[in-house]
Amino acid sequence: MSAAERTGPGLVCAFAVTRTPPGPVALASVPGHEEGGPLRVLGAGGLYVVVQDVPAALFGEQALTERLNRPADLERCARAHHRAVEAAAGAGGARAGMVKGAAVVPLPMATLYRGDGSAVRAVAERRPVLEALLDRLRDRTEWAVKVHAADGSAEAAPGPPAAPEGSGSGSGGRAYLSRASARRRDRQEAHGKARAVAEAIDAELRRHAVAATRHRPQSERLTGRRTPQLLNAAYLVENADRDAFTRALTALTAGGGHPSVRTEASGPWIPYSFARWDEEPIPETGREVPA
């Protein structure tokens, strides 16, 4: 019985494109979406795409939109997608430091086709772009860096106390307004200093990367912090330059050298931020390109 027969009328979910298909044993050990069949590989004119049969009842446009609006379902789908991309790379996950897997182009989450033929045609039609991306991403990984204003900084401090009744005039009112103005200047100055440090961190890390891009800063609701996120960046790093990049990270984050900010870094990752098969690639100049 085929995977499609097991899951009923369905769609084909595509995860990643590679030149070197993962073996069946490796794929069999990796679960994709729990509602679908096993991961499998389709040939597409010299390239290969890792796919999974999934039921249309759960992955059709309306049903999928509703599911992805539920945080728990969104997280499950994202984890399944990432597992399949790692399987396509055959690396067991760059997260574990195994960065020598095959180059892959991760596809956007929930890339769906009506059948194998549609998936193969979509890849074949974009073969020149995908080939260029695979060349670009070979032997390179992504590092993520987030910089926040430090907790307890003037930026995060509460505003001036409420003015006492009747303080709008006279010496008491003038003193209150003067204090409020000073607090406002202090916050602005602290914010400016923290932002300048974040820019300096970004500039230093770009020196050790072949490309970099900035994502939209995350809100305080998402980060769980009381201070703003000043930098949300990704860096594409040659595996051969990994040690230099991590030394720069350590120098920037250790020892409290920048007390006005807090820096978080993670990697190496499969380079999702630099695998945009439907957009112009980010130039390898170290200059900022909006995400």
C-alpha atoms as a PDB file:
ATOM      1  CA  MET A   1       0.000   0.000   0.000  1.00  0.00           C
ATOM      2  CA  SER A   2       1.406   3.412  -0.935  1.00  0.00           C
ATOM      3  CA  ALA A   3       1.823   6.327   1.427  1.00  0.00           C
ATOM      4  CA  ALA A   4      -0.940   8.166  -0.431  1.00  0.00           C
ATOM      5  CA  GLU A   5      -3.289   5.231   0.093  1.00  0.00           C
ATOM      6  CA  ARG A   6      -2.435   5.116   3.783  1.00  0.00           C
ATOM      7  CA  THR A   7      -3.112   8.810   4.328  1.00  0.00           C
ATOM      8  CA  GLY A   8      -6.049   9.098   1.963  1.00  0.00           C
ATOM      9  CA  PRO A   9      -6.498  11.751  -0.777  1.00  0.00           C
ATOM     10  CA  GLY A  10      -3.599  14.063  -0.265  1.00  0.00           C
ATOM     11  CA  LEU A  11      -0.956  16.512  -1.261  1.00  0.00           C
ATOM     12  CA  VAL A  12       2.808  16.399  -1.570  1.00  0.00           C
ATOM     13  CA  CYS A  13       4.736  18.491   0.953  1.00  0.00           C
ATOM     14  CA  ALA A  14       8.245  19.447  -0.218  1.00  0.00           C
ATOM     15  CA  PHE A  15      11.001  20.230   2.290  1.00  0.00           C
ATOM     16  CA  ALA A  16      14.380  20.706   0.619  1.00  0.00           C
ATOM     17  CA  VAL A  17      16.346  20.388  -2.619  1.00  0.00           C
ATOM     18  CA  THR A  18      19.782  18.803  -2.846  1.00  0.00           C
ATOM     19  CA  ARG A  19      22.214  17.349  -5.373  1.00  0.00           C
ATOM     20  CA  THR A  20      22.935  14.315  -3.201  1.00  0.00           C
ATOM     21  CA  PRO A  21      19.812  12.437  -2.137  1.00  0.00           C
ATOM     22  CA  PRO A  22      19.794  10.977   1.371  1.00  0.00           C
ATOM     23  CA  GLY A  23      19.647   7.217   1.522  1.00  0.00           C
ATOM     24  CA  PRO A  24      16.412   5.364   2.295  1.00  0.00           C
ATOM     25  CA  VAL A  25      17.707   4.172   5.664  1.00  0.00           C
ATOM     26  CA  ALA A  26      18.445   7.729   6.770  1.00  0.00           C
ATOM     27  CA  LEU A  27      15.028   8.928   5.606  1.00  0.00           C
ATOM     28  CA  ALA A  28      13.212   6.039   7.258  1.00  0.00           C
ATOM     29  CA  SER A  29      14.614   7.046  10.637  1.00  0.00           C
ATOM     30  CA  VAL A  30      13.265  10.618  10.434  1.00  0.00           C
ATOM     31  CA  PRO A  31       9.582  11.407  11.007  1.00  0.00           C
ATOM     32  CA  GLY A  32       8.149  14.239   8.983  1.00  0.00           C
ATOM     33  CA  HIS A  33       4.675  15.563   9.714  1.00  0.00           C
ATOM     34  CA  GLU A  34       3.069  13.060  12.058  1.00  0.00           C
ATOM     35  CA  GLU A  35      -0.120  12.988   9.947  1.00  0.00           C
ATOM     36  CA  GLY A  36       1.710  12.000   6.729  1.00  0.00           C
ATOM     37  CA  GLY A  37       3.551   9.107   5.170  1.00  0.00           C
ATOM     38  CA  PRO A  38       7.291   8.429   5.242  1.00  0.00           C
ATOM     39  CA  LEU A  39       9.792  10.866   3.767  1.00  0.00           C
ATOM     40  CA  ARG A  40      10.879  10.020   0.236  1.00  0.00           C
ATOM     41  CA  VAL A  41      12.944  11.487  -2.613  1.00  0.00           C
ATOM     42  CA  LEU A  42      11.915  12.659  -6.071  1.00  0.00           C
ATOM     43  CA  GLY A  43      14.402  13.147  -8.914  1.00  0.00           C
ATOM     44  CA  ALA A  44      14.053  16.461 -10.718  1.00  0.00           C
ATOM     45  CA  GLY A  45      16.423  16.857 -13.649  1.00  0.00           C
ATOM     46  CA  GLY A  46      19.683  16.265 -11.799  1.00  0.00           C
ATOM     47  CA  LEU A  47      18.399  17.632  -8.505  1.00  0.00           C
ATOM     48  CA  TYR A  48      16.483  15.848  -5.780  1.00  0.00           C
ATOM     49  CA  VAL A  49      13.645  17.023  -3.563  1.00  0.00           C
ATOM     50  CA  VAL A  50      12.682  15.449  -0.238  1.00  0.00           C
ATOM     51  CA  VAL A  51       8.907  15.167   0.067  1.00  0.00           C
ATOM     52  CA  GLN A  52       6.145  13.577   2.109  1.00  0.00           C
ATOM     53  CA  ASP A  53       2.570  12.629   1.273  1.00  0.00           C
ATOM     54  CA  VAL A  54       0.161  14.479   3.569  1.00  0.00           C
ATOM     55  CA  PRO A  55      -3.645  14.429   3.813  1.00  0.00           C
ATOM     56  CA  ALA A  56      -5.459  17.265   2.070  1.00  0.00           C
ATOM     57  CA  ALA A  57      -7.996  17.387   4.882  1.00  0.00           C
ATOM     58  CA  LEU A  58      -5.296  18.735   7.200  1.00  0.00           C
ATOM     59  CA  PHE A  59      -2.963  20.449   4.732  1.00  0.00           C
ATOM     60  CA  GLY A  60      -5.430  22.120   2.377  1.00  0.00           C
ATOM     61  CA  GLU A  61      -5.245  25.908   2.332  1.00  0.00           C
ATOM     62  CA  GLN A  62      -8.049  26.652   4.797  1.00  0.00           C
ATOM     63  CA  ALA A  63      -7.259  23.799   7.194  1.00  0.00           C
ATOM     64  CA  LEU A  64      -3.550  24.597   7.204  1.00  0.00           C
ATOM     65  CA  THR A  65      -4.161  28.301   7.810  1.00  0.00           C
ATOM     66  CA  GLU A  66      -6.283  27.475  10.839  1.00  0.00           C
ATOM     67  CA  ARG A  67      -3.673  25.046  12.190  1.00  0.00           C
ATOM     68  CA  LEU A  68      -0.758  27.441  11.743  1.00  0.00           C
ATOM     69  CA  ASN A  69      -2.656  30.094  13.692  1.00  0.00           C
ATOM     70  CA  ARG A  70      -2.522  27.794  16.722  1.00  0.00           C
ATOM     71  CA  PRO A  71       0.890  28.112  18.413  1.00  0.00           C
ATOM     72  CA  ALA A  72       1.172  24.441  19.366  1.00  0.00           C
ATOM     73  CA  ASP A  73       0.354  23.268  15.823  1.00  0.00           C
ATOM     74  CA  LEU A  74       2.692  25.872  14.333  1.00  0.00           C
ATOM     75  CA  GLU A  75       5.546  24.602  16.506  1.00  0.00           C
ATOM     76  CA  ARG A  76       4.870  20.975  15.554  1.00  0.00           C
ATOM     77  CA  CYS A  77       4.843  21.849  11.852  1.00  0.00           C
ATOM     78  CA  ALA A  78       8.041  23.865  12.156  1.00  0.00           C
ATOM     79  CA  ARG A  79       9.832  21.044  13.986  1.00  0.00           C
ATOM     80  CA  ALA A  80       8.690  18.483  11.416  1.00  0.00           C
ATOM     81  CA  HIS A  81       9.877  20.738   8.593  1.00  0.00           C
ATOM     82  CA  HIS A  82      13.276  21.214  10.211  1.00  0.00           C
ATOM     83  CA  ARG A  83      13.713  17.472  10.801  1.00  0.00           C
ATOM     84  CA  ALA A  84      13.056  16.796   7.124  1.00  0.00           C
ATOM     85  CA  VAL A  85      15.483  19.519   6.002  1.00  0.00           C
ATOM     86  CA  GLU A  86      18.170  18.028   8.252  1.00  0.00           C
ATOM     87  CA  ALA A  87      17.450  14.605   6.760  1.00  0.00           C
ATOM     88  CA  ALA A  88      17.893  16.073   3.274  1.00  0.00           C
ATOM     89  CA  ALA A  89      21.299  17.390   4.339  1.00  0.00           C
ATOM     90  CA  GLY A  90      22.218  13.964   5.668  1.00  0.00           C
ATOM     91  CA  ALA A  91      24.032  15.692   8.527  1.00  0.00           C
ATOM     92  CA  GLY A  92      21.983  14.678  11.524  1.00  0.00           C
ATOM     93  CA  GLY A  93      21.468  18.387  12.099  1.00  0.00           C
ATOM     94  CA  ALA A  94      23.902  21.281  12.007  1.00  0.00           C
ATOM     95  CA  ARG A  95      22.594  21.974  15.491  1.00  0.00           C
ATOM     96  CA  ALA A  96      24.763  19.132  16.758  1.00  0.00           C
ATOM     97  CA  GLY A  97      27.821  20.642  15.127  1.00  0.00           C
ATOM     98  CA  MET A  98      27.794  18.210  12.212  1.00  0.00           C
ATOM     99  CA  VAL A  99      28.319  20.753   9.460  1.00  0.00           C
ATOM    100  CA  LYS A 100      29.697  18.465   6.760  1.00  0.00           C
ATOM    101  CA  GLY A 101      26.383  17.331   5.320  1.00  0.00           C
ATOM    102  CA  ALA A 102      25.344  17.903   1.723  1.00  0.00           C
ATOM    103  CA  ALA A 103      24.359  21.404   0.713  1.00  0.00           C
ATOM    104  CA  VAL A 104      20.586  21.832   0.700  1.00  0.00           C
ATOM    105  CA  VAL A 105      18.141  24.553  -0.226  1.00  0.00           C
ATOM    106  CA  PRO A 106      15.430  24.501   2.473  1.00  0.00           C
ATOM    107  CA  LEU A 107      12.033  25.281   0.993  1.00  0.00           C
ATOM    108  CA  PRO A 108       9.536  27.503   2.807  1.00  0.00           C
ATOM    109  CA  MET A 109       7.483  25.682   5.412  1.00  0.00           C
ATOM    110  CA  ALA A 110       4.276  24.183   3.983  1.00  0.00           C
ATOM    111  CA  THR A 111       5.437  24.115   0.354  1.00  0.00           C
ATOM    112  CA  LEU A 112       2.649  21.938  -1.066  1.00  0.00           C
ATOM    113  CA  TYR A 113       1.919  20.430  -4.492  1.00  0.00           C
ATOM    114  CA  ARG A 114      -0.981  18.429  -5.872  1.00  0.00           C
ATOM    115  CA  GLY A 115       1.260  15.550  -6.862  1.00  0.00           C
ATOM    116  CA  ASP A 116       4.759  14.348  -7.631  1.00  0.00           C
ATOM    117  CA  GLY A 117       4.632  15.765 -11.150  1.00  0.00           C
ATOM    118  CA  SER A 118       3.868  19.270  -9.917  1.00  0.00           C
ATOM    119  CA  ALA A 119       6.685  19.122  -7.367  1.00  0.00           C
ATOM    120  CA  VAL A 120       9.208  17.887  -9.947  1.00  0.00           C
ATOM    121  CA  ARG A 121       8.195  20.551 -12.481  1.00  0.00           C
ATOM    122  CA  ALA A 122       8.489  23.320  -9.885  1.00  0.00           C
ATOM    123  CA  VAL A 123      12.048  22.262  -9.043  1.00  0.00           C
ATOM    124  CA  ALA A 124      13.074  21.681 -12.666  1.00  0.00           C
ATOM    125  CA  GLU A 125      11.769  25.097 -13.733  1.00  0.00           C
ATOM    126  CA  ARG A 126      13.934  26.768 -11.096  1.00  0.00           C
ATOM    127  CA  ARG A 127      16.984  24.602 -11.631  1.00  0.00           C
ATOM    128  CA  PRO A 128      19.412  27.442 -12.554  1.00  0.00           C
ATOM    129  CA  VAL A 129      18.505  29.381  -9.387  1.00  0.00           C
ATOM    130  CA  LEU A 130      18.659  26.261  -7.221  1.00  0.00           C
ATOM    131  CA  GLU A 131      22.009  25.200  -8.687  1.00  0.00           C
ATOM    132  CA  ALA A 132      23.435  28.642  -7.920  1.00  0.00           C
ATOM    133  CA  LEU A 133      22.116  28.486  -4.363  1.00  0.00           C
ATOM    134  CA  LEU A 134      23.553  25.022  -3.794  1.00  0.00           C
ATOM    135  CA  ASP A 135      26.944  26.258  -4.993  1.00  0.00           C
ATOM    136  CA  ARG A 136      26.677  29.259  -2.697  1.00  0.00           C
ATOM    137  CA  LEU A 137      25.672  27.303   0.398  1.00  0.00           C
ATOM    138  CA  ARG A 138      28.156  24.458   0.033  1.00  0.00           C
ATOM    139  CA  ASP A 139      30.482  24.200   3.050  1.00  0.00           C
ATOM    140  CA  ARG A 140      28.791  27.142   4.751  1.00  0.00           C
ATOM    141  CA  THR A 141      26.510  27.420   7.759  1.00  0.00           C
ATOM    142  CA  GLU A 142      24.328  30.046   9.381  1.00  0.00           C
ATOM    143  CA  TRP A 143      24.818  31.681  12.772  1.00  0.00           C
ATOM    144  CA  ALA A 144      22.070  33.673  14.490  1.00  0.00           C
ATOM    145  CA  VAL A 145      22.839  36.620  16.765  1.00  0.00           C
ATOM    146  CA  LYS A 146      20.383  38.676  18.807  1.00  0.00           C
ATOM    147  CA  VAL A 147      21.318  41.778  20.784  1.00  0.00           C
ATOM    148  CA  HIS A 148      19.065  43.314  23.461  1.00  0.00           C
ATOM    149  CA  ALA A 149      19.426  46.365  25.631  1.00  0.00           C
ATOM    150  CA  ALA A 150      20.656  45.219  29.035  1.00  0.00           C
ATOM    151  CA  ASP A 151      18.167  44.555  31.822  1.00  0.00           C
ATOM    152  CA  GLY A 152      18.144  47.371  34.348  1.00  0.00           C
ATOM    153  CA  SER A 153      19.384  49.919  31.828  1.00  0.00           C
ATOM    154  CA  ALA A 154      17.870  53.359  31.643  1.00  0.00           C
ATOM    155  CA  GLU A 155      15.980  52.190  28.579  1.00  0.00           C
ATOM    156  CA  ALA A 156      14.110  49.623  30.673  1.00  0.00           C
ATOM    157  CA  ALA A 157      13.757  51.719  33.794  1.00  0.00           C
ATOM    158  CA  PRO A 158      10.316  53.015  34.782  1.00  0.00           C
ATOM    159  CA  GLY A 159       9.426  56.563  33.942  1.00  0.00           C
ATOM    160  CA  PRO A 160       9.447  59.450  36.410  1.00  0.00           C
ATOM    161  CA  PRO A 161       7.014  59.263  39.328  1.00  0.00           C
ATOM    162  CA  ALA A 162       3.608  60.776  38.913  1.00  0.00           C
ATOM    163  CA  ALA A 163       3.550  64.480  39.488  1.00  0.00           C
ATOM    164  CA  PRO A 164       2.061  65.504  42.801  1.00  0.00           C
ATOM    165  CA  GLU A 165      -1.287  67.223  42.721  1.00  0.00           C
ATOM    166  CA  GLY A 166      -0.953  70.864  41.857  1.00  0.00           C
ATOM    167  CA  SER A 167       2.596  70.502  40.496  1.00  0.00           C
ATOM    168  CA  GLY A 168       1.782  72.014  37.143  1.00  0.00           C
ATOM    169  CA  SER A 169       2.946  75.467  38.243  1.00  0.00           C
ATOM    170  CA  GLY A 170       5.377  77.022  40.669  1.00  0.00           C
ATOM    171  CA  SER A 171       8.773  75.779  41.773  1.00  0.00           C
ATOM    172  CA  GLY A 172       7.484  72.255  42.547  1.00  0.00           C
ATOM    173  CA  GLY A 173       6.086  71.882  39.031  1.00  0.00           C
ATOM    174  CA  ARG A 174       9.234  73.225  37.408  1.00  0.00           C
ATOM    175  CA  ALA A 175      11.372  70.830  39.446  1.00  0.00           C
ATOM    176  CA  TYR A 176       9.182  67.889  38.439  1.00  0.00           C
ATOM    177  CA  LEU A 177       9.328  68.818  34.762  1.00  0.00           C
ATOM    178  CA  SER A 178      13.087  69.225  35.003  1.00  0.00           C
ATOM    179  CA  ARG A 179      13.463  65.757  36.530  1.00  0.00           C
ATOM    180  CA  ALA A 180      11.163  64.235  33.913  1.00  0.00           C
ATOM    181  CA  SER A 181      13.154  65.894  31.130  1.00  0.00           C
ATOM    182  CA  ALA A 182      16.433  64.617  32.600  1.00  0.00           C
ATOM    183  CA  ARG A 183      15.071  61.069  32.847  1.00  0.00           C
ATOM    184  CA  ARG A 184      13.928  61.250  29.242  1.00  0.00           C
ATOM    185  CA  ARG A 185      17.370  62.430  28.106  1.00  0.00           C
ATOM    186  CA  ASP A 186      19.009  59.649  30.128  1.00  0.00           C
ATOM    187  CA  ARG A 187      16.817  57.021  28.486  1.00  0.00           C
ATOM    188  CA  GLN A 188      17.492  58.414  25.027  1.00  0.00           C
ATOM    189  CA  GLU A 189      21.232  58.534  25.689  1.00  0.00           C
ATOM    190  CA  ALA A 190      21.285  54.963  27.050  1.00  0.00           C
ATOM    191  CA  HIS A 191      19.284  53.737  24.065  1.00  0.00           C
ATOM    192  CA  GLY A 192      21.645  55.478  21.659  1.00  0.00           C
ATOM    193  CA  LYS A 193      24.705  53.948  23.332  1.00  0.00           C
ATOM    194  CA  ALA A 194      23.187  50.459  23.330  1.00  0.00           C
ATOM    195  CA  ARG A 195      22.220  50.768  19.672  1.00  0.00           C
ATOM    196  CA  ALA A 196      25.741  51.918  18.784  1.00  0.00           C
ATOM    197  CA  VAL A 197      27.161  48.845  20.549  1.00  0.00           C
ATOM    198  CA  ALA A 198      24.764  46.592  18.627  1.00  0.00           C
ATOM    199  CA  GLU A 199      25.908  48.170  15.357  1.00  0.00           C
ATOM    200  CA  ALA A 200      29.544  47.638  16.334  1.00  0.00           C
ATOM    201  CA  ILE A 201      28.859  43.974  17.117  1.00  0.00           C
ATOM    202  CA  ASP A 202      27.201  43.526  13.746  1.00  0.00           C
ATOM    203  CA  ALA A 203      30.093  45.226  11.928  1.00  0.00           C
ATOM    204  CA  GLU A 204      32.673  43.014  13.648  1.00  0.00           C
ATOM    205  CA  LEU A 205      30.810  39.771  12.894  1.00  0.00           C
ATOM    206  CA  ARG A 206      30.375  40.739   9.241  1.00  0.00           C
ATOM    207  CA  ARG A 207      34.163  40.810   8.965  1.00  0.00           C
ATOM    208  CA  HIS A 208      34.153  37.039   9.534  1.00  0.00           C
ATOM    209  CA  ALA A 209      31.138  36.173   7.339  1.00  0.00           C
ATOM    210  CA  VAL A 210      30.640  35.938   3.592  1.00  0.00           C
ATOM    211  CA  ALA A 211      27.152  37.444   3.860  1.00  0.00           C
ATOM    212  CA  ALA A 212      24.810  38.800   6.518  1.00  0.00           C
ATOM    213  CA  THR A 213      21.204  39.834   6.747  1.00  0.00           C
ATOM    214  CA  ARG A 214      18.949  41.425   9.333  1.00  0.00           C
ATOM    215  CA  HIS A 215      15.545  40.143  10.307  1.00  0.00           C
ATOM    216  CA  ARG A 216      12.855  42.290  11.833  1.00  0.00           C
ATOM    217  CA  PRO A 217      13.515  42.734  15.575  1.00  0.00           C
ATOM    218  CA  GLN A 218      11.216  40.583  17.688  1.00  0.00           C
ATOM    219  CA  SER A 219       8.748  42.228  20.019  1.00  0.00           C
ATOM    220  CA  GLU A 220       9.185  42.154  23.771  1.00  0.00           C
ATOM    221  CA  ARG A 221       6.120  39.898  23.936  1.00  0.00           C
ATOM    222  CA  LEU A 222       7.944  37.264  21.842  1.00  0.00           C
ATOM    223  CA  THR A 223      11.340  37.602  23.514  1.00  0.00           C
ATOM    224  CA  GLY A 224       9.955  37.685  27.043  1.00  0.00           C
ATOM    225  CA  ARG A 225      12.280  40.573  27.881  1.00  0.00           C
ATOM    226  CA  ARG A 226      11.475  44.024  29.222  1.00  0.00           C
ATOM    227  CA  THR A 227      14.134  45.584  27.003  1.00  0.00           C
ATOM    228  CA  PRO A 228      14.034  46.070  23.238  1.00  0.00           C
ATOM    229  CA  GLN A 229      15.785  43.855  20.737  1.00  0.00           C
ATOM    230  CA  LEU A 230      18.334  46.002  18.929  1.00  0.00           C
ATOM    231  CA  LEU A 231      19.709  43.454  16.462  1.00  0.00           C
ATOM    232  CA  ASN A 232      18.303  40.248  14.988  1.00  0.00           C
ATOM    233  CA  ALA A 233      20.851  39.129  12.427  1.00  0.00           C
ATOM    234  CA  ALA A 234      22.045  36.032  10.580  1.00  0.00           C
ATOM    235  CA  TYR A 235      25.542  35.425   9.238  1.00  0.00           C
ATOM    236  CA  LEU A 236      26.649  33.028   6.507  1.00  0.00           C
ATOM    237  CA  VAL A 237      30.033  31.620   7.538  1.00  0.00           C
ATOM    238  CA  GLU A 238      32.524  29.440   5.687  1.00  0.00           C
ATOM    239  CA  ASN A 239      33.096  26.241   7.622  1.00  0.00           C
ATOM    240  CA  ALA A 240      36.817  26.894   7.234  1.00  0.00           C
ATOM    241  CA  ASP A 241      36.357  30.257   9.010  1.00  0.00           C
ATOM    242  CA  ARG A 242      34.172  28.904  11.787  1.00  0.00           C
ATOM    243  CA  ASP A 243      36.851  29.190  14.477  1.00  0.00           C
ATOM    244  CA  ALA A 244      37.542  32.843  13.667  1.00  0.00           C
ATOM    245  CA  PHE A 245      33.837  33.629  13.771  1.00  0.00           C
ATOM    246  CA  THR A 246      33.284  31.885  17.095  1.00  0.00           C
ATOM    247  CA  ARG A 247      36.338  33.590  18.598  1.00  0.00           C
ATOM    248  CA  ALA A 248      34.868  36.937  17.580  1.00  0.00           C
ATOM    249  CA  LEU A 249      31.551  35.935  19.146  1.00  0.00           C
ATOM    250  CA  THR A 250      33.262  34.951  22.381  1.00  0.00           C
ATOM    251  CA  ALA A 251      35.174  38.209  22.526  1.00  0.00           C
ATOM    252  CA  LEU A 252      31.950  40.166  22.018  1.00  0.00           C
ATOM    253  CA  THR A 253      29.849  38.268  24.545  1.00  0.00           C
ATOM    254  CA  ALA A 254      32.216  37.251  27.347  1.00  0.00           C
ATOM    255  CA  GLY A 255      33.537  39.149  30.309  1.00  0.00           C
ATOM    256  CA  GLY A 256      30.896  41.879  30.436  1.00  0.00           C
ATOM    257  CA  GLY A 257      32.748  43.957  27.895  1.00  0.00           C
ATOM    258  CA  HIS A 258      29.510  45.566  26.724  1.00  0.00           C
ATOM    259  CA  PRO A 259      27.376  46.117  29.856  1.00  0.00           C
ATOM    260  CA  SER A 260      24.778  48.145  27.961  1.00  0.00           C
ATOM    261  CA  VAL A 261      23.636  45.115  25.910  1.00  0.00           C
ATOM    262  CA  ARG A 262      23.063  41.373  26.182  1.00  0.00           C
ATOM    263  CA  THR A 263      24.100  39.245  23.202  1.00  0.00           C
ATOM    264  CA  GLU A 264      22.775  35.769  22.383  1.00  0.00           C
ATOM    265  CA  ALA A 265      24.161  33.571  19.615  1.00  0.00           C
ATOM    266  CA  SER A 266      23.316  30.141  18.214  1.00  0.00           C
ATOM    267  CA  GLY A 267      24.661  27.948  15.456  1.00  0.00           C
ATOM    268  CA  PRO A 268      25.828  26.431  13.281  1.00  0.00           C
ATOM    269  CA  TRP A 269      22.533  25.989  11.432  1.00  0.00           C
ATOM    270  CA  ILE A 270      21.499  24.986   7.953  1.00  0.00           C
ATOM    271  CA  PRO A 271      21.447  28.400   6.219  1.00  0.00           C
ATOM    272  CA  TYR A 272      17.714  29.055   5.971  1.00  0.00           C
ATOM    273  CA  SER A 273      18.169  32.834   5.838  1.00  0.00           C
ATOM    274  CA  PHE A 274      20.347  32.606   2.721  1.00  0.00           C
ATOM    275  CA  ALA A 275      18.394  30.016   0.715  1.00  0.00           C
ATOM    276  CA  ARG A 276      15.764  32.210  -0.908  1.00  0.00           C
ATOM    277  CA  TRP A 277      15.004  30.427  -4.130  1.00  0.00           C
ATOM    278  CA  ASP A 278      12.284  32.929  -5.117  1.00  0.00           C
ATOM    279  CA  GLU A 279      14.275  36.110  -4.350  1.00  0.00           C
ATOM    280  CA  GLU A 280      17.532  37.756  -5.299  1.00  0.00           C
ATOM    281  CA  PRO A 281      20.373  36.233  -3.256  1.00  0.00           C
ATOM    282  CA  ILE A 282      22.021  38.323  -0.563  1.00  0.00           C
ATOM    283  CA  PRO A 283      25.315  39.690  -1.963  1.00  0.00           C
ATOM    284  CA  GLU A 284      28.538  38.342  -0.486  1.00  0.00           C
ATOM    285  CA  THR A 285      29.828  41.760   0.438  1.00  0.00           C
ATOM    286  CA  GLY A 286      29.071  41.967   4.144  1.00  0.00           C
ATOM    287  CA  ARG A 287      26.778  44.917   3.466  1.00  0.00           C
ATOM    288  CA  GLU A 288      23.338  44.893   5.035  1.00  0.00           C
ATOM    289  CA  VAL A 289      20.473  43.745   2.857  1.00  0.00           C
ATOM    290  CA  PRO A 290      16.965  44.074   4.361  1.00  0.00           C
ATOM    291  CA  ALA A 291      15.325  40.771   5.232  1.00  0.00           C
END
